[in-house]
Amino acid sequence: MEQLLIQYKNILSDYITNRKEQNLYIGQNCVRQLITKNVAPEDVINIHRKAVKDIYTELP
């Protein structure tokens, strides 16, 4: 699961930095692959939440 977090965090960080639509599609495809691999929706949200917390360390 840690590898998924690192991969997703990189995708999210690239999107935040560049704001390119291509990065958005890469993120969508990543999440779709997680769902097709039977990763629970709660885990997908958890990965996103952790990635955001790592990127924006000043958030409460």
N, C-alpha and C. Protein backbone atom coordinates (compact mmCIF):
# COMPACT_ATOMS: atom_id res chain seq x y z
N MET A 1 0.83 -1.19 0.00
CA MET A 1 0.00 0.00 0.00
C MET A 1 0.87 1.26 0.00
N GLU A 2 2.04 1.18 0.61
CA GLU A 2 2.94 2.33 0.67
C GLU A 2 3.40 2.73 -0.74
N GLN A 3 3.63 1.75 -1.60
CA GLN A 3 4.05 2.04 -2.97
C GLN A 3 2.95 2.77 -3.73
N LEU A 4 1.70 2.37 -3.49
CA LEU A 4 0.57 3.05 -4.12
C LEU A 4 0.49 4.51 -3.66
N LEU A 5 0.74 4.73 -2.38
CA LEU A 5 0.72 6.09 -1.85
C LEU A 5 1.80 6.95 -2.51
N ILE A 6 2.99 6.41 -2.64
CA ILE A 6 4.09 7.16 -3.27
C ILE A 6 3.75 7.48 -4.73
N GLN A 7 3.23 6.50 -5.44
CA GLN A 7 2.88 6.70 -6.85
C GLN A 7 1.78 7.76 -6.98
N TYR A 8 0.73 7.63 -6.17
CA TYR A 8 -0.37 8.58 -6.24
C TYR A 8 0.07 9.98 -5.82
N LYS A 9 0.92 10.06 -4.80
CA LYS A 9 1.42 11.34 -4.34
C LYS A 9 2.20 12.05 -5.44
N ASN A 10 3.00 11.30 -6.18
CA ASN A 10 3.74 11.88 -7.31
C ASN A 10 2.80 12.40 -8.39
N ILE A 11 1.78 11.64 -8.69
CA ILE A 11 0.80 12.06 -9.70
C ILE A 11 0.09 13.33 -9.24
N LEU A 12 -0.35 13.34 -8.00
CA LEU A 12 -1.07 14.50 -7.46
C LEU A 12 -0.16 15.72 -7.41
N SER A 13 1.05 15.54 -6.99
CA SER A 13 2.01 16.63 -6.92
C SER A 13 2.28 17.22 -8.30
N ASP A 14 2.44 16.34 -9.30
CA ASP A 14 2.63 16.81 -10.68
C ASP A 14 1.43 17.63 -11.15
N TYR A 15 0.23 17.17 -10.81
CA TYR A 15 -0.96 17.90 -11.23
C TYR A 15 -1.03 19.27 -10.54
N ILE A 16 -0.74 19.30 -9.25
CA ILE A 16 -0.80 20.57 -8.51
C ILE A 16 0.23 21.55 -9.06
N THR A 17 1.40 21.05 -9.40
CA THR A 17 2.47 21.91 -9.90
C THR A 17 2.19 22.41 -11.31
N ASN A 18 1.74 21.54 -12.18
CA ASN A 18 1.61 21.88 -13.60
C ASN A 18 0.20 22.23 -14.05
N ARG A 19 -0.80 21.74 -13.34
CA ARG A 19 -2.20 21.98 -13.68
C ARG A 19 -2.51 21.64 -15.13
N LYS A 20 -1.89 20.57 -15.62
CA LYS A 20 -2.17 20.13 -16.98
C LYS A 20 -3.25 19.06 -16.96
N GLU A 21 -4.09 19.09 -17.95
CA GLU A 21 -5.18 18.13 -18.04
C GLU A 21 -4.65 16.70 -18.15
N GLN A 22 -3.51 16.54 -18.78
CA GLN A 22 -2.90 15.22 -18.93
C GLN A 22 -2.63 14.60 -17.55
N ASN A 23 -2.14 15.40 -16.60
CA ASN A 23 -1.88 14.90 -15.25
C ASN A 23 -3.17 14.47 -14.57
N LEU A 24 -4.25 15.19 -14.84
CA LEU A 24 -5.54 14.84 -14.27
C LEU A 24 -6.00 13.47 -14.79
N TYR A 25 -5.83 13.23 -16.08
CA TYR A 25 -6.21 11.94 -16.66
C TYR A 25 -5.35 10.81 -16.12
N ILE A 26 -4.08 11.08 -15.89
CA ILE A 26 -3.20 10.06 -15.31
C ILE A 26 -3.70 9.69 -13.91
N GLY A 27 -4.09 10.68 -13.12
CA GLY A 27 -4.64 10.42 -11.80
C GLY A 27 -5.93 9.63 -11.85
N GLN A 28 -6.80 9.98 -12.78
CA GLN A 28 -8.06 9.25 -12.94
C GLN A 28 -7.80 7.79 -13.30
N ASN A 29 -6.87 7.57 -14.21
CA ASN A 29 -6.55 6.20 -14.60
C ASN A 29 -5.96 5.41 -13.45
N CYS A 30 -5.14 6.05 -12.64
CA CYS A 30 -4.56 5.40 -11.47
C CYS A 30 -5.66 4.94 -10.52
N VAL A 31 -6.61 5.82 -10.24
CA VAL A 31 -7.70 5.48 -9.32
C VAL A 31 -8.57 4.38 -9.93
N ARG A 32 -8.84 4.44 -11.21
CA ARG A 32 -9.63 3.39 -11.87
C ARG A 32 -8.94 2.04 -11.77
N GLN A 33 -7.63 2.02 -11.94
CA GLN A 33 -6.87 0.77 -11.82
C GLN A 33 -6.97 0.22 -10.40
N LEU A 34 -6.91 1.10 -9.41
CA LEU A 34 -7.04 0.65 -8.03
C LEU A 34 -8.40 -0.01 -7.81
N ILE A 35 -9.43 0.60 -8.35
CA ILE A 35 -10.78 0.07 -8.17
C ILE A 35 -10.93 -1.27 -8.88
N THR A 36 -10.38 -1.40 -10.08
CA THR A 36 -10.47 -2.68 -10.80
C THR A 36 -9.66 -3.77 -10.12
N LYS A 37 -8.68 -3.38 -9.30
CA LYS A 37 -7.89 -4.36 -8.55
C LYS A 37 -8.53 -4.64 -7.18
N ASN A 38 -9.79 -4.24 -7.05
CA ASN A 38 -10.59 -4.47 -5.84
C ASN A 38 -10.03 -3.79 -4.59
N VAL A 39 -9.38 -2.66 -4.79
CA VAL A 39 -8.98 -1.84 -3.64
C VAL A 39 -10.25 -1.15 -3.16
N ALA A 40 -10.52 -1.25 -1.88
CA ALA A 40 -11.76 -0.69 -1.31
C ALA A 40 -11.80 0.83 -1.50
N PRO A 41 -12.99 1.37 -1.74
CA PRO A 41 -13.12 2.82 -1.90
C PRO A 41 -12.56 3.59 -0.70
N GLU A 42 -12.71 3.03 0.50
CA GLU A 42 -12.18 3.70 1.69
C GLU A 42 -10.66 3.80 1.61
N ASP A 43 -10.02 2.77 1.06
CA ASP A 43 -8.57 2.78 0.91
C ASP A 43 -8.11 3.80 -0.13
N VAL A 44 -8.88 3.94 -1.21
CA VAL A 44 -8.56 4.93 -2.23
C VAL A 44 -8.64 6.34 -1.63
N ILE A 45 -9.68 6.58 -0.86
CA ILE A 45 -9.83 7.89 -0.20
C ILE A 45 -8.71 8.10 0.81
N ASN A 46 -8.35 7.05 1.52
CA ASN A 46 -7.26 7.13 2.50
C ASN A 46 -5.94 7.49 1.82
N ILE A 47 -5.67 6.88 0.66
CA ILE A 47 -4.46 7.18 -0.10
C ILE A 47 -4.46 8.65 -0.51
N HIS A 48 -5.60 9.14 -0.99
CA HIS A 48 -5.71 10.54 -1.40
C HIS A 48 -5.49 11.47 -0.21
N ARG A 49 -6.13 11.15 0.91
CA ARG A 49 -6.02 11.98 2.11
C ARG A 49 -4.57 12.06 2.59
N LYS A 50 -3.89 10.92 2.62
CA LYS A 50 -2.49 10.90 3.06
C LYS A 50 -1.59 11.67 2.10
N ALA A 51 -1.86 11.54 0.81
CA ALA A 51 -1.06 12.26 -0.19
C ALA A 51 -1.22 13.77 -0.02
N VAL A 52 -2.44 14.21 0.18
CA VAL A 52 -2.70 15.64 0.37
C VAL A 52 -2.01 16.13 1.64
N LYS A 53 -2.09 15.35 2.71
CA LYS A 53 -1.43 15.74 3.97
C LYS A 53 0.08 15.83 3.80
N ASP A 54 0.66 14.93 3.00
CA ASP A 54 2.11 14.96 2.76
C ASP A 54 2.52 16.17 1.92
N ILE A 55 1.68 16.53 0.97
CA ILE A 55 1.99 17.65 0.08
C ILE A 55 1.77 18.98 0.79
N TYR A 56 0.65 19.10 1.48
CA TYR A 56 0.31 20.33 2.19
C TYR A 56 0.47 20.10 3.69
N THR A 57 1.68 20.17 4.15
CA THR A 57 1.98 19.86 5.54
C THR A 57 1.39 20.87 6.53
N GLU A 58 1.04 22.06 6.06
CA GLU A 58 0.51 23.09 6.96
C GLU A 58 -0.98 22.94 7.21
N LEU A 59 -1.65 22.02 6.52
CA LEU A 59 -3.08 21.83 6.75
C LEU A 59 -3.32 21.17 8.11
N PRO A 60 -4.41 21.55 8.79
CA PRO A 60 -4.71 20.92 10.09
C PRO A 60 -5.18 19.48 9.91
